[in-house]
Amino acid sequence: MRIIRDDLNGPEIAVLLEAHLKGMEPHSPPESRHALDLENLRQSEVQFYSAWEGEELLGCGAFKRLDADHAEIKSMRTDAAHLRKGVAGAILAHLIEAARASGIRRLSLETGSMEVFAPARRLYEAFGFEYCTPFGDYVEDPYSVFMTRTV
């Protein structure tokens, strides 16, 4: 598996991110969906990474700098054909190291509270993320849980 800093110009990324956004629709009302679209992922404060095996896209993830020391994990997604192969864990480990190298001292995230998001919450817990109160511009929401860790 090769993880690269991605410029978000490839068609494979666009398809995976569209699936990411569509995948939330059945589980969260629009006001409780906090994923960034392709254009918002191109902001200068976002570092976006993709995982590949040869020419096949396996998954992606990003972090968005909130301030000098704090960033938020965004757009964690594994392609459906590659679930349960360690892709998300490899991407998350890479994001943590890239954040540390960028001077980030705290990583936080928002994910869904419903059962469909339980595997994601278990992954974050396994990487040392702990539940916390809303951060940044987030507010309490029954569809969201918030997690954080130092890097």
Protein backbone atom coordinates (compact mmCIF):
# COMPACT_ATOMS: atom_id res chain seq x y z
CA MET A 1 0.00 0.00 0.00
CA ARG A 2 1.29 3.42 -1.00
CA ILE A 3 -0.09 6.53 0.73
CA ILE A 4 0.46 9.84 -1.04
CA ARG A 5 -0.39 13.50 -0.54
CA ASP A 6 -3.14 13.88 -3.13
CA ASP A 7 -4.00 16.93 -5.23
CA LEU A 8 -7.66 15.85 -5.53
CA ASN A 9 -7.61 16.01 -9.32
CA GLY A 10 -8.00 12.31 -10.14
CA PRO A 11 -11.37 10.90 -11.19
CA GLU A 12 -11.04 8.01 -8.73
CA ILE A 13 -10.89 10.45 -5.80
CA ALA A 14 -13.97 12.30 -7.03
CA VAL A 15 -15.92 9.03 -7.21
CA LEU A 16 -14.80 7.90 -3.73
CA LEU A 17 -15.64 11.26 -2.16
CA GLU A 18 -19.06 11.27 -3.82
CA ALA A 19 -19.69 7.82 -2.33
CA HIS A 20 -18.54 9.19 1.04
CA LEU A 21 -21.08 12.02 0.90
CA LYS A 22 -23.90 9.81 -0.42
CA GLY A 23 -23.16 7.19 2.22
CA MET A 24 -24.16 9.60 4.97
CA GLU A 25 -27.55 10.50 3.52
CA PRO A 26 -29.51 7.55 4.94
CA HIS A 27 -28.05 8.02 8.43
CA SER A 28 -27.93 11.75 9.17
CA PRO A 29 -30.10 14.75 8.34
CA PRO A 30 -28.39 17.39 6.16
CA GLU A 31 -27.62 19.72 9.09
CA SER A 32 -25.77 16.87 10.83
CA ARG A 33 -23.50 15.96 7.90
CA HIS A 34 -20.11 17.60 8.30
CA ALA A 35 -18.10 16.04 5.48
CA LEU A 36 -16.24 18.36 3.15
CA ASP A 37 -16.89 18.23 -0.56
CA LEU A 38 -14.14 18.14 -3.15
CA GLU A 39 -13.82 21.92 -3.41
CA ASN A 40 -13.61 22.42 0.38
CA LEU A 41 -10.96 19.71 0.62
CA ARG A 42 -8.80 21.81 -1.70
CA GLN A 43 -8.48 24.59 0.91
CA SER A 44 -4.93 25.46 1.90
CA GLU A 45 -5.47 24.37 5.52
CA VAL A 46 -6.34 20.80 4.43
CA GLN A 47 -3.81 18.03 3.85
CA PHE A 48 -5.45 15.24 1.87
CA TYR A 49 -3.98 11.75 1.41
CA SER A 50 -4.98 8.73 -0.64
CA ALA A 51 -3.97 5.07 -0.39
CA TRP A 52 -3.21 3.05 -3.49
CA GLU A 53 -2.29 -0.47 -4.50
CA GLY A 54 -0.87 -0.16 -7.97
CA GLU A 55 -3.42 1.93 -9.89
CA GLU A 56 -6.30 1.02 -7.57
CA LEU A 57 -7.57 3.55 -5.03
CA LEU A 58 -8.07 1.92 -1.64
CA GLY A 59 -9.15 4.85 0.51
CA CYS A 60 -8.49 8.38 1.64
CA GLY A 61 -8.28 10.69 4.63
CA ALA A 62 -7.36 14.25 5.48
CA PHE A 63 -6.82 16.68 8.28
CA LYS A 64 -7.84 20.31 8.38
CA ARG A 65 -5.84 22.73 10.49
CA LEU A 66 -8.12 24.56 12.94
CA ASP A 67 -5.38 26.66 14.53
CA ALA A 68 -1.61 26.48 15.06
CA ASP A 69 -1.79 23.37 17.28
CA HIS A 70 -5.12 21.71 16.50
CA ALA A 71 -6.45 19.90 13.42
CA GLU A 72 -9.54 17.90 12.57
CA ILE A 73 -9.59 14.52 10.83
CA LYS A 74 -11.77 14.72 7.71
CA SER A 75 -12.93 12.47 4.87
CA MET A 76 -11.81 9.10 6.21
CA ARG A 77 -13.17 6.62 3.68
CA THR A 78 -12.23 3.13 2.52
CA ASP A 79 -13.45 1.92 -0.85
CA ALA A 80 -16.14 -0.73 -0.32
CA ALA A 81 -14.04 -3.34 -2.15
CA HIS A 82 -11.23 -2.93 0.39
CA LEU A 83 -13.01 -2.93 3.74
CA ARG A 84 -11.45 -4.97 6.56
CA LYS A 85 -8.00 -4.97 4.94
CA GLY A 86 -6.31 -2.43 7.23
CA VAL A 87 -6.66 0.51 4.85
CA ALA A 88 -8.32 2.87 7.34
CA GLY A 89 -5.78 2.06 10.03
CA ALA A 90 -2.88 2.70 7.67
CA ILE A 91 -4.37 6.01 6.56
CA LEU A 92 -5.12 7.09 10.13
CA ALA A 93 -1.58 6.24 11.26
CA HIS A 94 -0.25 8.25 8.33
CA LEU A 95 -2.48 11.22 9.18
CA ILE A 96 -1.29 11.20 12.79
CA GLU A 97 2.35 11.22 11.69
CA ALA A 98 1.76 13.90 9.04
CA ALA A 99 -0.05 16.07 11.58
CA ARG A 100 2.80 15.65 14.07
CA ALA A 101 5.33 16.58 11.35
CA SER A 102 3.24 19.70 10.60
CA GLY A 103 3.42 20.87 14.21
CA ILE A 104 -0.08 19.77 15.18
CA ARG A 105 -0.34 18.78 18.83
CA ARG A 106 -4.03 17.79 18.97
CA LEU A 107 -6.23 15.93 16.49
CA SER A 108 -9.99 15.87 16.88
CA LEU A 109 -12.83 14.45 14.84
CA GLU A 110 -16.58 14.25 14.48
CA THR A 111 -18.24 11.01 13.44
CA GLY A 112 -21.72 9.56 13.53
CA SER A 113 -23.38 8.29 16.68
CA MET A 114 -25.45 5.61 14.94
CA GLU A 115 -24.59 1.91 14.88
CA VAL A 116 -23.40 2.07 11.26
CA PHE A 117 -20.50 4.27 12.49
CA ALA A 118 -19.49 1.86 15.29
CA PRO A 119 -16.55 0.38 13.30
CA ALA A 120 -15.18 3.90 12.76
CA ARG A 121 -15.50 4.72 16.46
CA ARG A 122 -13.70 1.48 17.38
CA LEU A 123 -10.88 2.34 14.98
CA TYR A 124 -10.46 5.81 16.49
CA GLU A 125 -10.55 4.36 20.02
CA ALA A 126 -7.84 1.85 19.04
CA PHE A 127 -5.66 4.79 17.95
CA GLY A 128 -6.05 6.57 21.28
CA PHE A 129 -8.90 8.94 20.49
CA GLU A 130 -11.14 9.66 23.47
CA TYR A 131 -14.66 11.04 23.53
CA CYS A 132 -14.91 14.77 24.14
CA THR A 133 -17.25 17.72 23.94
CA PRO A 134 -17.82 19.52 20.64
CA PHE A 135 -14.81 21.50 19.38
CA GLY A 136 -14.40 24.30 16.87
CA ASP A 137 -17.76 25.38 15.44
CA TYR A 138 -19.56 22.14 16.36
CA VAL A 139 -22.49 22.01 18.78
CA GLU A 140 -24.08 19.10 20.60
CA ASP A 141 -25.97 16.95 18.10
CA PRO A 142 -27.64 13.57 18.69
CA TYR A 143 -26.24 12.38 15.35
CA SER A 144 -22.62 13.20 16.23
CA VAL A 145 -19.91 12.09 18.61
CA PHE A 146 -16.64 13.96 19.08
CA MET A 147 -13.23 12.48 19.81
CA THR A 148 -9.74 13.87 20.36
CA ARG A 149 -6.16 12.88 21.13
CA THR A 150 -2.77 14.48 21.47
CA VAL A 151 -0.20 13.66 18.82
